Amino acid sequence: MIHPSKSWRRAAAAIAVCISFTGLLTACAGPQISDYAAEKPVLDMRQYFSGTVDAYGVFTDRSSKVVKRFTVVMRCTWQGKPGEETGVLDEAFSYSDGTSDRRIWTLKRSPDGKYTGTAADVVGEARGQESGNAFRWGYTLKLPVDGKVVEVQFDDWMYLVDEKVMLNKAVMSKFGIKLGEVTLSFVKR
């Protein structure tokens, strides 16, 4: 027979473990796009990414070491009826190692303010949403690494600072393991 005080201790320990585990899961969940709903200035992707936007960035590995620096010139256009526009973001990348690349995004905005996007090196569709001054974007990108193509996931956040400047931080992972981060500053011309 179990002594009552021992069973209370076991129950209390089990409850403590459950509370700790629940707290851990909540902490791992991270911010949600709705957390930024009241933030100003309000981001409208169609207004910000219209015309020419310059970007300056770094890629850091999982130890936070800068692996590559780059600049981007983006030429951005939108068409379609209000609330259901389609945008093209033509990105020309120049890397610190002398290489260059190009990605052309096609974005579609739905009436509920959510976005989908496609590009040649994106697997399926990217999905994103605006809220307040923020935009969250998730997608899988095909990256060339040592002669192979590796599919990696991006959790991409953008924060509008003012009418000209937006900051971007994207975490890159594979199988849930963080591989590195991309940090960018966008400057609208």
N, C-alpha and C. Protein backbone atom coordinates (compact mmCIF):
# COMPACT_ATOMS: atom_id res chain seq x y z
N MET A 1 0.84 -1.17 0.00
CA MET A 1 0.00 0.00 0.00
C MET A 1 0.89 1.24 0.00
N ILE A 2 0.48 2.24 -0.83
CA ILE A 2 1.23 3.48 -0.92
C ILE A 2 0.76 4.42 0.17
N HIS A 3 1.72 4.99 0.85
CA HIS A 3 1.43 5.95 1.91
C HIS A 3 0.81 7.20 1.28
N PRO A 4 -0.27 7.79 1.89
CA PRO A 4 -0.94 8.96 1.32
C PRO A 4 0.01 10.12 1.04
N SER A 5 0.97 10.37 1.89
CA SER A 5 1.86 11.51 1.66
C SER A 5 2.74 11.27 0.43
N LYS A 6 3.11 9.99 0.16
CA LYS A 6 3.91 9.67 -1.02
C LYS A 6 3.09 9.86 -2.29
N SER A 7 1.82 9.47 -2.27
CA SER A 7 0.99 9.62 -3.46
C SER A 7 0.73 11.11 -3.74
N TRP A 8 0.61 11.92 -2.69
CA TRP A 8 0.46 13.37 -2.90
C TRP A 8 1.72 13.95 -3.52
N ARG A 9 2.87 13.48 -3.04
CA ARG A 9 4.14 13.97 -3.61
C ARG A 9 4.25 13.57 -5.08
N ARG A 10 3.88 12.35 -5.40
CA ARG A 10 3.92 11.90 -6.79
C ARG A 10 2.97 12.71 -7.66
N ALA A 11 1.76 12.94 -7.16
CA ALA A 11 0.78 13.74 -7.92
C ALA A 11 1.30 15.16 -8.11
N ALA A 12 1.88 15.75 -7.06
CA ALA A 12 2.42 17.10 -7.17
C ALA A 12 3.57 17.14 -8.17
N ALA A 13 4.42 16.12 -8.16
CA ALA A 13 5.53 16.06 -9.10
C ALA A 13 5.02 15.93 -10.53
N ALA A 14 3.99 15.09 -10.72
CA ALA A 14 3.41 14.91 -12.05
C ALA A 14 2.80 16.21 -12.55
N ILE A 15 2.10 16.94 -11.68
CA ILE A 15 1.51 18.23 -12.05
C ILE A 15 2.61 19.23 -12.41
N ALA A 16 3.69 19.26 -11.63
CA ALA A 16 4.80 20.17 -11.91
C ALA A 16 5.42 19.87 -13.27
N VAL A 17 5.57 18.58 -13.59
CA VAL A 17 6.12 18.20 -14.89
C VAL A 17 5.19 18.66 -16.00
N CYS A 18 3.88 18.47 -15.83
CA CYS A 18 2.90 18.90 -16.85
C CYS A 18 2.94 20.41 -17.04
N ILE A 19 3.00 21.16 -15.95
CA ILE A 19 3.05 22.63 -16.04
C ILE A 19 4.34 23.05 -16.74
N SER A 20 5.46 22.44 -16.39
CA SER A 20 6.74 22.77 -17.03
C SER A 20 6.70 22.45 -18.52
N PHE A 21 6.15 21.29 -18.87
CA PHE A 21 6.06 20.89 -20.27
C PHE A 21 5.16 21.83 -21.05
N THR A 22 4.02 22.22 -20.47
CA THR A 22 3.12 23.15 -21.11
C THR A 22 3.80 24.50 -21.31
N GLY A 23 4.54 24.96 -20.31
CA GLY A 23 5.28 26.22 -20.43
C GLY A 23 6.33 26.15 -21.52
N LEU A 24 6.99 25.01 -21.63
CA LEU A 24 8.00 24.82 -22.66
C LEU A 24 7.36 24.87 -24.04
N LEU A 25 6.24 24.20 -24.22
CA LEU A 25 5.55 24.22 -25.51
C LEU A 25 5.10 25.63 -25.86
N THR A 26 4.59 26.36 -24.89
CA THR A 26 4.15 27.73 -25.13
C THR A 26 5.33 28.60 -25.52
N ALA A 27 6.46 28.44 -24.85
CA ALA A 27 7.65 29.23 -25.16
C ALA A 27 8.16 28.92 -26.54
N CYS A 28 8.05 27.67 -26.98
CA CYS A 28 8.53 27.28 -28.29
C CYS A 28 7.62 27.78 -29.41
N ALA A 29 6.39 28.11 -29.09
CA ALA A 29 5.44 28.51 -30.11
C ALA A 29 5.86 29.82 -30.76
N GLY A 30 6.50 30.72 -30.04
CA GLY A 30 6.99 31.97 -30.59
C GLY A 30 5.88 32.95 -30.89
N PRO A 31 6.27 34.10 -31.46
CA PRO A 31 5.28 35.13 -31.75
C PRO A 31 4.33 34.71 -32.87
N GLN A 32 3.16 35.29 -32.84
CA GLN A 32 2.16 35.07 -33.89
C GLN A 32 1.98 36.39 -34.63
N ILE A 33 1.56 36.34 -35.87
CA ILE A 33 1.39 37.56 -36.66
C ILE A 33 0.37 38.48 -36.00
N SER A 34 -0.62 37.94 -35.34
CA SER A 34 -1.64 38.76 -34.67
C SER A 34 -1.07 39.59 -33.52
N ASP A 35 0.11 39.22 -33.00
CA ASP A 35 0.74 39.98 -31.93
C ASP A 35 1.07 41.40 -32.36
N TYR A 36 1.14 41.65 -33.66
CA TYR A 36 1.56 42.95 -34.19
C TYR A 36 0.39 43.79 -34.73
N ALA A 37 -0.83 43.35 -34.50
CA ALA A 37 -2.01 44.00 -35.08
C ALA A 37 -2.11 45.49 -34.75
N ALA A 38 -1.69 45.90 -33.58
CA ALA A 38 -1.81 47.32 -33.17
C ALA A 38 -0.57 48.15 -33.52
N GLU A 39 0.47 47.52 -34.07
CA GLU A 39 1.71 48.24 -34.36
C GLU A 39 1.57 49.16 -35.57
N LYS A 40 2.24 50.30 -35.49
CA LYS A 40 2.23 51.30 -36.56
C LYS A 40 3.66 51.56 -37.01
N PRO A 41 3.90 52.01 -38.20
CA PRO A 41 2.92 52.23 -39.26
C PRO A 41 2.40 50.91 -39.82
N VAL A 42 1.18 50.94 -40.33
CA VAL A 42 0.56 49.73 -40.86
C VAL A 42 1.21 49.39 -42.20
N LEU A 43 1.60 48.12 -42.34
CA LEU A 43 2.24 47.65 -43.57
C LEU A 43 1.19 47.23 -44.59
N ASP A 44 1.34 47.75 -45.79
CA ASP A 44 0.57 47.29 -46.95
C ASP A 44 1.62 46.84 -47.96
N MET A 45 1.75 45.55 -48.14
CA MET A 45 2.78 44.99 -49.02
C MET A 45 2.70 45.58 -50.43
N ARG A 46 1.47 45.85 -50.89
CA ARG A 46 1.30 46.38 -52.25
C ARG A 46 1.86 47.79 -52.36
N GLN A 47 1.73 48.58 -51.31
CA GLN A 47 2.29 49.94 -51.35
C GLN A 47 3.80 49.92 -51.16
N TYR A 48 4.29 49.14 -50.20
CA TYR A 48 5.71 49.14 -49.93
C TYR A 48 6.50 48.56 -51.11
N PHE A 49 6.09 47.39 -51.57
CA PHE A 49 6.79 46.75 -52.69
C PHE A 49 6.16 47.20 -54.00
N SER A 50 6.33 48.48 -54.29
CA SER A 50 5.87 49.09 -55.52
C SER A 50 6.99 49.99 -56.01
N GLY A 51 7.41 49.84 -57.25
CA GLY A 51 8.55 50.61 -57.75
C GLY A 51 9.83 49.85 -57.47
N THR A 52 10.90 50.59 -57.13
CA THR A 52 12.20 49.96 -56.88
C THR A 52 12.52 49.99 -55.38
N VAL A 53 12.94 48.84 -54.88
CA VAL A 53 13.34 48.70 -53.48
C VAL A 53 14.74 48.08 -53.47
N ASP A 54 15.64 48.66 -52.67
CA ASP A 54 16.98 48.11 -52.50
C ASP A 54 17.03 47.35 -51.18
N ALA A 55 17.84 46.31 -51.13
CA ALA A 55 17.99 45.54 -49.90
C ALA A 55 19.46 45.23 -49.66
N TYR A 56 19.83 45.16 -48.38
CA TYR A 56 21.20 44.90 -47.95
C TYR A 56 21.13 43.82 -46.89
N GLY A 57 21.88 42.72 -47.08
CA GLY A 57 21.71 41.63 -46.14
C GLY A 57 22.94 40.79 -45.89
N VAL A 58 22.78 39.92 -44.89
CA VAL A 58 23.80 38.94 -44.54
C VAL A 58 23.13 37.60 -44.29
N PHE A 59 23.87 36.54 -44.59
CA PHE A 59 23.47 35.20 -44.21
C PHE A 59 24.42 34.75 -43.12
N THR A 60 23.87 34.32 -41.98
CA THR A 60 24.69 33.81 -40.89
C THR A 60 24.39 32.33 -40.69
N ASP A 61 25.43 31.57 -40.33
CA ASP A 61 25.22 30.15 -40.06
C ASP A 61 24.64 29.99 -38.65
N ARG A 62 24.45 28.75 -38.22
CA ARG A 62 23.81 28.52 -36.91
C ARG A 62 24.63 29.01 -35.73
N SER A 63 25.94 29.28 -35.95
CA SER A 63 26.76 29.84 -34.86
C SER A 63 26.78 31.36 -34.90
N SER A 64 26.00 31.95 -35.81
CA SER A 64 25.88 33.40 -36.01
C SER A 64 27.06 34.02 -36.75
N LYS A 65 27.90 33.20 -37.36
CA LYS A 65 29.00 33.70 -38.16
C LYS A 65 28.47 34.15 -39.53
N VAL A 66 28.87 35.35 -39.97
CA VAL A 66 28.46 35.83 -41.29
C VAL A 66 29.17 34.99 -42.35
N VAL A 67 28.37 34.35 -43.19
CA VAL A 67 28.89 33.48 -44.24
C VAL A 67 28.92 34.21 -45.58
N LYS A 68 27.91 35.06 -45.79
CA LYS A 68 27.82 35.77 -47.06
C LYS A 68 27.08 37.08 -46.87
N ARG A 69 27.56 38.12 -47.57
CA ARG A 69 26.88 39.41 -47.61
C ARG A 69 26.30 39.58 -49.01
N PHE A 70 25.22 40.37 -49.12
CA PHE A 70 24.62 40.55 -50.44
C PHE A 70 23.80 41.82 -50.52
N THR A 71 23.55 42.25 -51.76
CA THR A 71 22.63 43.35 -52.02
C THR A 71 21.58 42.84 -53.00
N VAL A 72 20.44 43.48 -52.99
CA VAL A 72 19.35 43.10 -53.89
C VAL A 72 18.72 44.37 -54.44
N VAL A 73 18.45 44.38 -55.74
CA VAL A 73 17.64 45.43 -56.34
C VAL A 73 16.35 44.76 -56.77
N MET A 74 15.23 45.27 -56.23
CA MET A 74 13.91 44.68 -56.51
C MET A 74 13.08 45.65 -57.34
N ARG A 75 12.55 45.16 -58.43
CA ARG A 75 11.63 45.94 -59.26
C ARG A 75 10.25 45.31 -59.04
N CYS A 76 9.31 46.12 -58.55
CA CYS A 76 8.04 45.59 -58.05
C CYS A 76 6.85 46.24 -58.75
N THR A 77 5.91 45.42 -59.22
CA THR A 77 4.70 45.92 -59.87
C THR A 77 3.49 45.12 -59.38
N TRP A 78 2.29 45.75 -59.44
CA TRP A 78 1.04 45.11 -59.05
C TRP A 78 -0.01 45.39 -60.11
N GLN A 79 -0.91 44.40 -60.32
CA GLN A 79 -2.03 44.55 -61.25
C GLN A 79 -3.25 43.87 -60.65
N GLY A 80 -4.43 44.25 -61.16
CA GLY A 80 -5.66 43.58 -60.74
C GLY A 80 -6.57 44.48 -59.95
N LYS A 81 -7.77 43.98 -59.69
CA LYS A 81 -8.76 44.79 -58.97
C LYS A 81 -8.40 44.88 -57.49
N PRO A 82 -8.79 45.97 -56.85
CA PRO A 82 -8.46 46.16 -55.42
C PRO A 82 -8.89 44.97 -54.56
N GLY A 83 -7.98 44.55 -53.70
CA GLY A 83 -8.25 43.43 -52.81
C GLY A 83 -7.85 42.08 -53.37
N GLU A 84 -7.61 42.02 -54.69
CA GLU A 84 -7.24 40.75 -55.32
C GLU A 84 -6.11 40.96 -56.32
N GLU A 85 -5.15 41.80 -55.96
CA GLU A 85 -4.05 42.12 -56.86
C GLU A 85 -3.04 40.99 -56.96
N THR A 86 -2.31 41.02 -58.09
CA THR A 86 -1.18 40.12 -58.31
C THR A 86 0.06 40.99 -58.46
N GLY A 87 1.11 40.63 -57.73
CA GLY A 87 2.35 41.40 -57.78
C GLY A 87 3.50 40.58 -58.32
N VAL A 88 4.45 41.27 -58.93
CA VAL A 88 5.68 40.64 -59.40
C VAL A 88 6.83 41.37 -58.72
N LEU A 89 7.65 40.62 -57.98
CA LEU A 89 8.84 41.15 -57.34
C LEU A 89 10.03 40.51 -58.02
N ASP A 90 10.71 41.28 -58.86
CA ASP A 90 11.86 40.80 -59.63
C ASP A 90 13.12 41.18 -58.86
N GLU A 91 13.77 40.18 -58.24
CA GLU A 91 14.91 40.41 -57.35
C GLU A 91 16.21 40.04 -58.05
N ALA A 92 17.17 41.01 -58.10
CA ALA A 92 18.50 40.77 -58.65
C ALA A 92 19.50 40.81 -57.50
N PHE A 93 20.09 39.65 -57.17
CA PHE A 93 21.02 39.51 -56.05
C PHE A 93 22.47 39.66 -56.53
N SER A 94 23.28 40.37 -55.74
CA SER A 94 24.73 40.44 -55.95
C SER A 94 25.39 40.04 -54.63
N TYR A 95 26.20 38.96 -54.66
CA TYR A 95 26.81 38.42 -53.45
C TYR A 95 28.25 38.88 -53.28
N SER A 96 28.73 38.86 -52.04
CA SER A 96 30.08 39.30 -51.70
C SER A 96 31.17 38.44 -52.35
N ASP A 97 30.84 37.23 -52.77
CA ASP A 97 31.84 36.37 -53.42
C ASP A 97 31.89 36.58 -54.94
N GLY A 98 31.16 37.60 -55.42
CA GLY A 98 31.17 37.92 -56.85
C GLY A 98 30.10 37.23 -57.67
N THR A 99 29.32 36.33 -57.07
CA THR A 99 28.25 35.65 -57.80
C THR A 99 26.98 36.50 -57.79
N SER A 100 26.05 36.12 -58.63
CA SER A 100 24.77 36.81 -58.69
C SER A 100 23.66 35.79 -58.89
N ASP A 101 22.44 36.22 -58.65
CA ASP A 101 21.29 35.34 -58.78
C ASP A 101 20.07 36.21 -59.04
N ARG A 102 19.00 35.57 -59.44
CA ARG A 102 17.75 36.29 -59.69
C ARG A 102 16.59 35.41 -59.24
N ARG A 103 15.63 36.02 -58.57
CA ARG A 103 14.40 35.33 -58.17
C ARG A 103 13.24 36.24 -58.55
N ILE A 104 12.25 35.67 -59.21
CA ILE A 104 11.07 36.44 -59.57
C ILE A 104 9.89 35.84 -58.84
N TRP A 105 9.38 36.60 -57.87
CA TRP A 105 8.21 36.19 -57.10
C TRP A 105 6.95 36.66 -57.81
N THR A 106 5.93 35.81 -57.84
CA THR A 106 4.59 36.22 -58.23
C THR A 106 3.73 36.08 -56.98
N LEU A 107 3.21 37.20 -56.50
CA LEU A 107 2.40 37.23 -55.28
C LEU A 107 0.94 37.45 -55.62
N LYS A 108 0.07 36.78 -54.89
CA LYS A 108 -1.37 37.00 -55.04
C LYS A 108 -1.94 37.34 -53.69
N ARG A 109 -2.73 38.41 -53.68
CA ARG A 109 -3.38 38.85 -52.45
C ARG A 109 -4.84 38.45 -52.52
N SER A 110 -5.34 37.84 -51.47
CA SER A 110 -6.75 37.47 -51.41
C SER A 110 -7.51 38.56 -50.66
N PRO A 111 -8.83 38.60 -50.78
CA PRO A 111 -9.61 39.64 -50.11
C PRO A 111 -9.45 39.67 -48.59
N ASP A 112 -9.06 38.56 -47.97
CA ASP A 112 -8.88 38.53 -46.51
C ASP A 112 -7.50 39.03 -46.07
N GLY A 113 -6.70 39.53 -47.03
CA GLY A 113 -5.40 40.10 -46.69
C GLY A 113 -4.27 39.09 -46.62
N LYS A 114 -4.54 37.86 -46.95
CA LYS A 114 -3.49 36.84 -46.96
C LYS A 114 -2.86 36.80 -48.34
N TYR A 115 -1.62 36.31 -48.37
CA TYR A 115 -0.87 36.25 -49.61
C TYR A 115 -0.39 34.84 -49.89
N THR A 116 -0.29 34.52 -51.18
CA THR A 116 0.41 33.32 -51.63
C THR A 116 1.47 33.79 -52.62
N GLY A 117 2.53 33.02 -52.75
CA GLY A 117 3.58 33.41 -53.67
C GLY A 117 4.26 32.20 -54.28
N THR A 118 4.74 32.38 -55.49
CA THR A 118 5.49 31.34 -56.18
C THR A 118 6.74 31.96 -56.79
N ALA A 119 7.75 31.14 -56.96
CA ALA A 119 8.99 31.49 -57.65
C ALA A 119 9.59 30.18 -58.14
N ALA A 120 10.48 30.26 -59.10
CA ALA A 120 11.05 29.05 -59.71
C ALA A 120 11.75 28.15 -58.70
N ASP A 121 12.37 28.73 -57.68
CA ASP A 121 13.10 27.93 -56.70
C ASP A 121 12.34 27.71 -55.39
N VAL A 122 11.05 27.98 -55.41
CA VAL A 122 10.19 27.74 -54.24
C VAL A 122 9.36 26.49 -54.49
N VAL A 123 9.34 25.59 -53.52
CA VAL A 123 8.57 24.36 -53.63
C VAL A 123 7.12 24.68 -53.27
N GLY A 124 6.21 24.43 -54.21
CA GLY A 124 4.79 24.72 -53.96
C GLY A 124 4.57 26.22 -53.81
N GLU A 125 3.75 26.59 -52.83
CA GLU A 125 3.41 28.00 -52.61
C GLU A 125 3.93 28.49 -51.27
N ALA A 126 4.38 29.72 -51.27
CA ALA A 126 4.66 30.42 -50.02
C ALA A 126 3.33 30.97 -49.53
N ARG A 127 3.19 31.06 -48.21
CA ARG A 127 1.96 31.62 -47.63
C ARG A 127 2.32 32.66 -46.60
N GLY A 128 1.60 33.80 -46.66
CA GLY A 128 1.91 34.88 -45.74
C GLY A 128 0.70 35.69 -45.37
N GLN A 129 0.90 36.55 -44.35
CA GLN A 129 -0.18 37.40 -43.88
C GLN A 129 0.40 38.66 -43.26
N GLU A 130 -0.29 39.78 -43.49
CA GLU A 130 0.05 41.06 -42.86
C GLU A 130 -0.75 41.21 -41.58
N SER A 131 -0.18 41.96 -40.64
CA SER A 131 -0.91 42.37 -39.44
C SER A 131 -0.14 43.53 -38.83
N GLY A 132 -0.78 44.68 -38.72
CA GLY A 132 -0.11 45.86 -38.19
C GLY A 132 1.08 46.21 -39.05
N ASN A 133 2.27 46.33 -38.43
CA ASN A 133 3.47 46.67 -39.19
C ASN A 133 4.26 45.44 -39.65
N ALA A 134 3.70 44.25 -39.51
CA ALA A 134 4.46 43.02 -39.76
C ALA A 134 3.85 42.18 -40.88
N PHE A 135 4.73 41.36 -41.45
CA PHE A 135 4.33 40.36 -42.44
C PHE A 135 5.09 39.09 -42.12
N ARG A 136 4.38 37.97 -42.04
CA ARG A 136 5.02 36.67 -41.81
C ARG A 136 4.79 35.81 -43.04
N TRP A 137 5.83 35.13 -43.45
CA TRP A 137 5.88 34.43 -44.71
C TRP A 137 6.56 33.09 -44.48
N GLY A 138 5.98 31.99 -44.88
CA GLY A 138 6.59 30.68 -44.74
C GLY A 138 6.67 29.98 -46.08
N TYR A 139 7.82 29.35 -46.36
CA TYR A 139 7.98 28.67 -47.63
C TYR A 139 9.18 27.71 -47.58
N THR A 140 9.23 26.84 -48.59
CA THR A 140 10.35 25.92 -48.76
C THR A 140 11.10 26.34 -50.01
N LEU A 141 12.41 26.53 -49.85
CA LEU A 141 13.26 27.01 -50.94
C LEU A 141 14.25 25.93 -51.35
N LYS A 142 14.47 25.79 -52.67
CA LYS A 142 15.48 24.87 -53.20
C LYS A 142 16.80 25.63 -53.28
N LEU A 143 17.79 25.22 -52.48
CA LEU A 143 19.09 25.89 -52.46
C LEU A 143 20.18 24.98 -53.01
N PRO A 144 21.02 25.51 -53.91
CA PRO A 144 22.14 24.72 -54.38
C PRO A 144 23.25 24.72 -53.32
N VAL A 145 23.67 23.52 -52.90
CA VAL A 145 24.73 23.38 -51.90
C VAL A 145 25.68 22.28 -52.37
N ASP A 146 26.94 22.64 -52.62
CA ASP A 146 27.96 21.67 -53.02
C ASP A 146 27.52 20.77 -54.17
N GLY A 147 26.95 21.35 -55.21
CA GLY A 147 26.55 20.59 -56.38
C GLY A 147 25.22 19.85 -56.26
N LYS A 148 24.57 19.97 -55.10
CA LYS A 148 23.26 19.34 -54.89
C LYS A 148 22.22 20.43 -54.65
N VAL A 149 20.94 20.07 -54.75
CA VAL A 149 19.86 20.99 -54.41
C VAL A 149 19.22 20.48 -53.12
N VAL A 150 19.18 21.35 -52.12
CA VAL A 150 18.64 21.00 -50.81
C VAL A 150 17.39 21.84 -50.57
N GLU A 151 16.34 21.21 -50.11
CA GLU A 151 15.11 21.94 -49.77
C GLU A 151 15.16 22.33 -48.31
N VAL A 152 15.03 23.65 -48.05
CA VAL A 152 15.07 24.18 -46.69
C VAL A 152 13.83 25.03 -46.45
N GLN A 153 13.40 25.08 -45.20
CA GLN A 153 12.22 25.85 -44.84
C GLN A 153 12.64 27.23 -44.32
N PHE A 154 11.85 28.23 -44.69
CA PHE A 154 12.06 29.60 -44.23
C PHE A 154 10.87 30.07 -43.42
N ASP A 155 11.15 30.63 -42.25
CA ASP A 155 10.16 31.35 -41.44
C ASP A 155 10.62 32.80 -41.52
N ASP A 156 9.94 33.58 -42.32
CA ASP A 156 10.39 34.88 -42.78
C ASP A 156 9.49 35.98 -42.20
N TRP A 157 10.07 36.90 -41.44
CA TRP A 157 9.33 38.00 -40.81
C TRP A 157 9.83 39.33 -41.33
N MET A 158 8.91 40.24 -41.67
CA MET A 158 9.24 41.59 -42.09
C MET A 158 8.54 42.57 -41.17
N TYR A 159 9.25 43.68 -40.83
CA TYR A 159 8.71 44.70 -39.93
C TYR A 159 8.92 46.08 -40.54
N LEU A 160 7.83 46.78 -40.84
CA LEU A 160 7.90 48.12 -41.40
C LEU A 160 8.32 49.09 -40.31
N VAL A 161 9.41 49.84 -40.55
CA VAL A 161 9.91 50.82 -39.59
C VAL A 161 9.31 52.19 -39.89
N ASP A 162 9.35 52.58 -41.16
CA ASP A 162 8.72 53.82 -41.62
C ASP A 162 8.39 53.64 -43.09
N GLU A 163 7.98 54.70 -43.77
CA GLU A 163 7.55 54.54 -45.16
C GLU A 163 8.66 54.10 -46.11
N LYS A 164 9.92 54.26 -45.72
CA LYS A 164 11.05 53.90 -46.57
C LYS A 164 11.78 52.62 -46.15
N VAL A 165 11.79 52.30 -44.85
CA VAL A 165 12.64 51.23 -44.32
C VAL A 165 11.81 50.08 -43.74
N MET A 166 12.20 48.86 -44.12
CA MET A 166 11.61 47.66 -43.54
C MET A 166 12.75 46.70 -43.21
N LEU A 167 12.65 46.05 -42.05
CA LEU A 167 13.63 45.06 -41.63
C LEU A 167 13.06 43.67 -41.82
N ASN A 168 13.94 42.72 -42.14
CA ASN A 168 13.53 41.36 -42.44
C ASN A 168 14.47 40.38 -41.75
N LYS A 169 13.88 39.40 -41.07
CA LYS A 169 14.68 38.35 -40.45
C LYS A 169 14.03 37.02 -40.81
N ALA A 170 14.82 36.13 -41.41
CA ALA A 170 14.30 34.83 -41.82
C ALA A 170 15.17 33.74 -41.21
N VAL A 171 14.52 32.76 -40.58
CA VAL A 171 15.23 31.61 -40.02
C VAL A 171 15.10 30.47 -41.02
N MET A 172 16.23 29.87 -41.35
CA MET A 172 16.27 28.77 -42.30
C MET A 172 16.50 27.48 -41.53
N SER A 173 15.69 26.44 -41.82
CA SER A 173 15.83 25.18 -41.10
C SER A 173 15.61 23.99 -42.03
N LYS A 174 16.04 22.83 -41.54
CA LYS A 174 15.82 21.57 -42.25
C LYS A 174 15.51 20.53 -41.19
N PHE A 175 14.40 19.80 -41.35
CA PHE A 175 13.94 18.82 -40.37
C PHE A 175 13.80 19.45 -38.98
N GLY A 176 13.41 20.74 -38.94
CA GLY A 176 13.22 21.43 -37.66
C GLY A 176 14.51 21.91 -37.00
N ILE A 177 15.65 21.68 -37.65
CA ILE A 177 16.93 22.10 -37.09
C ILE A 177 17.36 23.40 -37.77
N LYS A 178 17.64 24.41 -36.97
CA LYS A 178 18.04 25.71 -37.50
C LYS A 178 19.39 25.61 -38.19
N LEU A 179 19.44 26.07 -39.45
CA LEU A 179 20.67 26.06 -40.23
C LEU A 179 21.35 27.43 -40.24
N GLY A 180 20.54 28.48 -40.14
CA GLY A 180 21.09 29.83 -40.19
C GLY A 180 19.98 30.85 -40.29
N GLU A 181 20.39 32.11 -40.48
CA GLU A 181 19.44 33.21 -40.59
C GLU A 181 19.84 34.15 -41.71
N VAL A 182 18.85 34.77 -42.30
CA VAL A 182 19.06 35.84 -43.27
C VAL A 182 18.50 37.10 -42.63
N THR A 183 19.32 38.17 -42.61
CA THR A 183 18.89 39.45 -42.06
C THR A 183 19.04 40.48 -43.17
N LEU A 184 17.96 41.23 -43.41
CA LEU A 184 17.92 42.21 -44.51
C LEU A 184 17.36 43.54 -44.03
N SER A 185 17.83 44.60 -44.65
CA SER A 185 17.14 45.88 -44.51
C SER A 185 16.70 46.30 -45.91
N PHE A 186 15.43 46.61 -46.06
CA PHE A 186 14.88 47.10 -47.34
C PHE A 186 14.81 48.61 -47.25
N VAL A 187 15.15 49.27 -48.36
CA VAL A 187 15.04 50.73 -48.45
C VAL A 187 14.32 51.05 -49.75
N LYS A 188 13.14 51.66 -49.61
CA LYS A 188 12.32 52.01 -50.78
C LYS A 188 12.86 53.30 -51.40
N ARG A 189 13.05 53.30 -52.72
CA ARG A 189 13.53 54.49 -53.41
C ARG A 189 12.43 55.52 -53.55
